[in-house]
Amino acid sequence: YQYLRKYKRGEDLDCFLFNPETTEGTEKECLKLLLEFCGRHNPSWTELSNFTHFLNFQLSKCEKSIFCSSVVGRDFQGF
């Protein structure tokens, strides 16, 4: 949700790292964003769950990747 919220606002995600301690927005706002970005019209709870698990997995891998680190980011901004 934190990534989707910042992405929708047009904020820079290059230096952002997920923080499970941070609470942003409301449950209603979270559900609205998930429905918007899920890519399915009227998704089931299973589809939303699969979407969030997949997105979480991909973003976790991205945060740990050397290719998405600040070291590479200095030379290849936005990479």
N, C-alpha and C. Protein backbone atom coordinates (compact mmCIF):
# COMPACT_ATOMS: atom_id res chain seq x y z
N TYR A 1 0.82 -1.20 0.00
CA TYR A 1 0.00 0.00 0.00
C TYR A 1 0.86 1.26 0.00
N GLN A 2 1.95 1.23 0.78
CA GLN A 2 2.82 2.40 0.83
C GLN A 2 3.39 2.73 -0.54
N TYR A 3 3.82 1.71 -1.27
CA TYR A 3 4.36 1.94 -2.62
C TYR A 3 3.28 2.46 -3.56
N LEU A 4 2.12 1.82 -3.55
CA LEU A 4 1.05 2.23 -4.45
C LEU A 4 0.61 3.66 -4.16
N ARG A 5 0.52 4.01 -2.89
CA ARG A 5 0.10 5.35 -2.49
C ARG A 5 1.09 6.40 -2.99
N LYS A 6 2.37 6.13 -2.79
CA LYS A 6 3.39 7.08 -3.23
C LYS A 6 3.45 7.14 -4.76
N TYR A 7 3.29 6.00 -5.42
CA TYR A 7 3.30 5.97 -6.88
C TYR A 7 2.16 6.80 -7.44
N LYS A 8 0.97 6.65 -6.89
CA LYS A 8 -0.19 7.39 -7.37
C LYS A 8 0.00 8.89 -7.17
N ARG A 9 0.67 9.29 -6.11
CA ARG A 9 0.92 10.71 -5.84
C ARG A 9 2.06 11.28 -6.68
N GLY A 10 2.76 10.41 -7.41
CA GLY A 10 3.87 10.86 -8.24
C GLY A 10 5.15 11.08 -7.47
N GLU A 11 5.25 10.49 -6.29
CA GLU A 11 6.45 10.66 -5.46
C GLU A 11 7.58 9.77 -5.98
N ASP A 12 8.81 10.17 -5.71
CA ASP A 12 9.99 9.41 -6.12
C ASP A 12 10.10 8.14 -5.28
N LEU A 13 10.15 7.00 -5.94
CA LEU A 13 10.24 5.72 -5.23
C LEU A 13 11.66 5.17 -5.20
N ASP A 14 12.60 5.86 -5.83
CA ASP A 14 13.97 5.36 -5.90
C ASP A 14 14.62 5.18 -4.53
N CYS A 15 14.33 6.05 -3.61
CA CYS A 15 14.96 5.98 -2.29
C CYS A 15 14.01 5.49 -1.20
N PHE A 16 12.81 5.08 -1.58
CA PHE A 16 11.83 4.65 -0.59
C PHE A 16 12.03 3.18 -0.24
N LEU A 17 11.94 2.87 1.05
CA LEU A 17 11.96 1.49 1.54
C LEU A 17 10.73 1.28 2.40
N PHE A 18 10.09 0.13 2.23
CA PHE A 18 8.91 -0.21 3.00
C PHE A 18 9.26 -0.27 4.48
N ASN A 19 8.39 0.29 5.31
CA ASN A 19 8.55 0.25 6.75
C ASN A 19 7.26 -0.29 7.36
N PRO A 20 7.30 -1.53 7.88
CA PRO A 20 6.09 -2.12 8.45
C PRO A 20 5.58 -1.38 9.69
N GLU A 21 6.42 -0.57 10.31
CA GLU A 21 6.03 0.18 11.50
C GLU A 21 5.20 1.41 11.15
N THR A 22 5.28 1.85 9.88
CA THR A 22 4.59 3.06 9.45
C THR A 22 3.16 2.75 9.03
N THR A 23 2.23 3.49 9.58
CA THR A 23 0.83 3.34 9.20
C THR A 23 0.43 4.58 8.41
N GLU A 24 -0.06 4.35 7.20
CA GLU A 24 -0.48 5.45 6.34
C GLU A 24 -1.91 5.20 5.90
N GLY A 25 -2.69 6.25 5.85
CA GLY A 25 -4.05 6.15 5.32
C GLY A 25 -4.98 5.29 6.17
N THR A 26 -6.13 4.99 5.58
CA THR A 26 -7.15 4.20 6.25
C THR A 26 -7.34 2.88 5.51
N GLU A 27 -8.07 1.98 6.12
CA GLU A 27 -8.37 0.70 5.48
C GLU A 27 -9.17 0.93 4.19
N LYS A 28 -10.06 1.90 4.21
CA LYS A 28 -10.87 2.22 3.05
C LYS A 28 -10.00 2.70 1.89
N GLU A 29 -9.04 3.59 2.19
CA GLU A 29 -8.12 4.08 1.16
C GLU A 29 -7.26 2.95 0.60
N CYS A 30 -6.83 2.07 1.47
CA CYS A 30 -6.01 0.94 1.06
C CYS A 30 -6.79 0.04 0.10
N LEU A 31 -8.00 -0.30 0.45
CA LEU A 31 -8.82 -1.16 -0.40
C LEU A 31 -9.10 -0.49 -1.74
N LYS A 32 -9.35 0.80 -1.71
CA LYS A 32 -9.61 1.54 -2.95
C LYS A 32 -8.41 1.49 -3.88
N LEU A 33 -7.19 1.68 -3.34
CA LEU A 33 -5.98 1.62 -4.16
C LEU A 33 -5.74 0.21 -4.69
N LEU A 34 -5.95 -0.79 -3.85
CA LEU A 34 -5.76 -2.17 -4.30
C LEU A 34 -6.72 -2.50 -5.43
N LEU A 35 -7.96 -2.07 -5.31
CA LEU A 35 -8.94 -2.31 -6.37
C LEU A 35 -8.54 -1.58 -7.66
N GLU A 36 -7.99 -0.39 -7.51
CA GLU A 36 -7.59 0.40 -8.68
C GLU A 36 -6.42 -0.24 -9.42
N PHE A 37 -5.43 -0.73 -8.68
CA PHE A 37 -4.22 -1.24 -9.30
C PHE A 37 -4.24 -2.74 -9.57
N CYS A 38 -5.23 -3.44 -9.08
CA CYS A 38 -5.31 -4.88 -9.25
C CYS A 38 -5.39 -5.29 -10.72
N GLY A 39 -6.03 -4.48 -11.52
CA GLY A 39 -6.13 -4.79 -12.94
C GLY A 39 -7.31 -5.67 -13.31
N ARG A 40 -8.17 -5.95 -12.37
CA ARG A 40 -9.35 -6.76 -12.61
C ARG A 40 -10.59 -5.95 -12.26
N HIS A 41 -11.63 -6.11 -13.06
CA HIS A 41 -12.90 -5.46 -12.75
C HIS A 41 -13.64 -6.34 -11.75
N ASN A 42 -13.99 -5.76 -10.61
CA ASN A 42 -14.71 -6.47 -9.56
C ASN A 42 -13.98 -7.76 -9.13
N PRO A 43 -12.73 -7.65 -8.64
CA PRO A 43 -11.96 -8.84 -8.26
C PRO A 43 -12.51 -9.51 -7.01
N SER A 44 -12.27 -10.79 -6.91
CA SER A 44 -12.64 -11.54 -5.71
C SER A 44 -11.59 -11.28 -4.63
N TRP A 45 -11.88 -11.69 -3.40
CA TRP A 45 -10.90 -11.54 -2.32
C TRP A 45 -9.66 -12.36 -2.61
N THR A 46 -9.83 -13.50 -3.25
CA THR A 46 -8.68 -14.34 -3.60
C THR A 46 -7.79 -13.63 -4.61
N GLU A 47 -8.39 -12.98 -5.60
CA GLU A 47 -7.61 -12.24 -6.59
C GLU A 47 -6.88 -11.06 -5.95
N LEU A 48 -7.53 -10.35 -5.04
CA LEU A 48 -6.85 -9.26 -4.32
C LEU A 48 -5.72 -9.80 -3.45
N SER A 49 -5.96 -10.93 -2.82
CA SER A 49 -4.93 -11.54 -1.98
C SER A 49 -3.73 -11.96 -2.83
N ASN A 50 -3.99 -12.60 -3.97
CA ASN A 50 -2.89 -13.00 -4.86
C ASN A 50 -2.13 -11.79 -5.37
N PHE A 51 -2.85 -10.73 -5.73
CA PHE A 51 -2.21 -9.49 -6.20
C PHE A 51 -1.30 -8.92 -5.12
N THR A 52 -1.78 -8.82 -3.90
CA THR A 52 -0.97 -8.22 -2.83
C THR A 52 0.24 -9.10 -2.49
N HIS A 53 0.06 -10.42 -2.49
CA HIS A 53 1.19 -11.31 -2.21
C HIS A 53 2.25 -11.21 -3.30
N PHE A 54 1.80 -11.19 -4.56
CA PHE A 54 2.74 -11.07 -5.67
C PHE A 54 3.46 -9.72 -5.63
N LEU A 55 2.72 -8.64 -5.44
CA LEU A 55 3.32 -7.31 -5.38
C LEU A 55 4.32 -7.22 -4.23
N ASN A 56 3.95 -7.74 -3.07
CA ASN A 56 4.84 -7.72 -1.91
C ASN A 56 6.12 -8.49 -2.20
N PHE A 57 5.99 -9.67 -2.83
CA PHE A 57 7.15 -10.49 -3.17
C PHE A 57 8.08 -9.75 -4.12
N GLN A 58 7.52 -9.17 -5.17
CA GLN A 58 8.31 -8.45 -6.17
C GLN A 58 9.01 -7.22 -5.58
N LEU A 59 8.28 -6.46 -4.76
CA LEU A 59 8.87 -5.26 -4.17
C LEU A 59 9.94 -5.61 -3.14
N SER A 60 9.76 -6.70 -2.40
CA SER A 60 10.78 -7.16 -1.45
C SER A 60 12.06 -7.54 -2.18
N LYS A 61 11.91 -8.25 -3.29
CA LYS A 61 13.07 -8.63 -4.11
C LYS A 61 13.75 -7.38 -4.68
N CYS A 62 12.96 -6.43 -5.11
CA CYS A 62 13.50 -5.19 -5.68
C CYS A 62 14.30 -4.42 -4.63
N GLU A 63 13.79 -4.33 -3.42
CA GLU A 63 14.49 -3.60 -2.36
C GLU A 63 15.84 -4.24 -2.03
N LYS A 64 15.94 -5.56 -2.19
CA LYS A 64 17.18 -6.28 -1.86
C LYS A 64 18.15 -6.37 -3.04
N SER A 65 17.71 -6.01 -4.22
CA SER A 65 18.53 -6.13 -5.42
C SER A 65 19.58 -5.03 -5.50
N ILE A 66 20.80 -5.42 -5.84
CA ILE A 66 21.88 -4.44 -6.01
C ILE A 66 21.56 -3.50 -7.17
N PHE A 67 20.80 -3.99 -8.16
CA PHE A 67 20.47 -3.17 -9.32
C PHE A 67 19.50 -2.04 -8.99
N CYS A 68 18.81 -2.15 -7.86
CA CYS A 68 17.86 -1.10 -7.45
C CYS A 68 18.38 -0.34 -6.24
N SER A 69 19.64 -0.48 -5.93
CA SER A 69 20.21 0.18 -4.75
C SER A 69 20.67 1.60 -5.08
N SER A 70 20.97 2.34 -4.05
CA SER A 70 21.43 3.71 -4.25
C SER A 70 22.80 3.74 -4.93
N VAL A 71 23.58 2.66 -4.79
CA VAL A 71 24.89 2.58 -5.43
C VAL A 71 24.73 2.66 -6.95
N VAL A 72 23.84 1.86 -7.49
CA VAL A 72 23.59 1.86 -8.93
C VAL A 72 22.76 3.08 -9.32
N GLY A 73 21.86 3.50 -8.44
CA GLY A 73 20.98 4.62 -8.72
C GLY A 73 21.68 5.93 -9.01
N ARG A 74 22.86 6.11 -8.43
CA ARG A 74 23.62 7.34 -8.68
C ARG A 74 24.03 7.45 -10.15
N ASP A 75 24.41 6.32 -10.72
CA ASP A 75 24.86 6.31 -12.11
C ASP A 75 23.72 6.10 -13.10
N PHE A 76 22.70 5.38 -12.68
CA PHE A 76 21.57 5.05 -13.56
C PHE A 76 20.26 5.46 -12.89
N GLN A 77 20.02 6.74 -12.76
CA GLN A 77 18.85 7.26 -12.07
C GLN A 77 17.57 6.71 -12.69
N GLY A 78 16.69 6.18 -11.85
CA GLY A 78 15.41 5.64 -12.30
C GLY A 78 15.50 4.20 -12.76
N PHE A 79 16.69 3.61 -12.77
CA PHE A 79 16.86 2.25 -13.24
C PHE A 79 16.11 1.31 -12.33
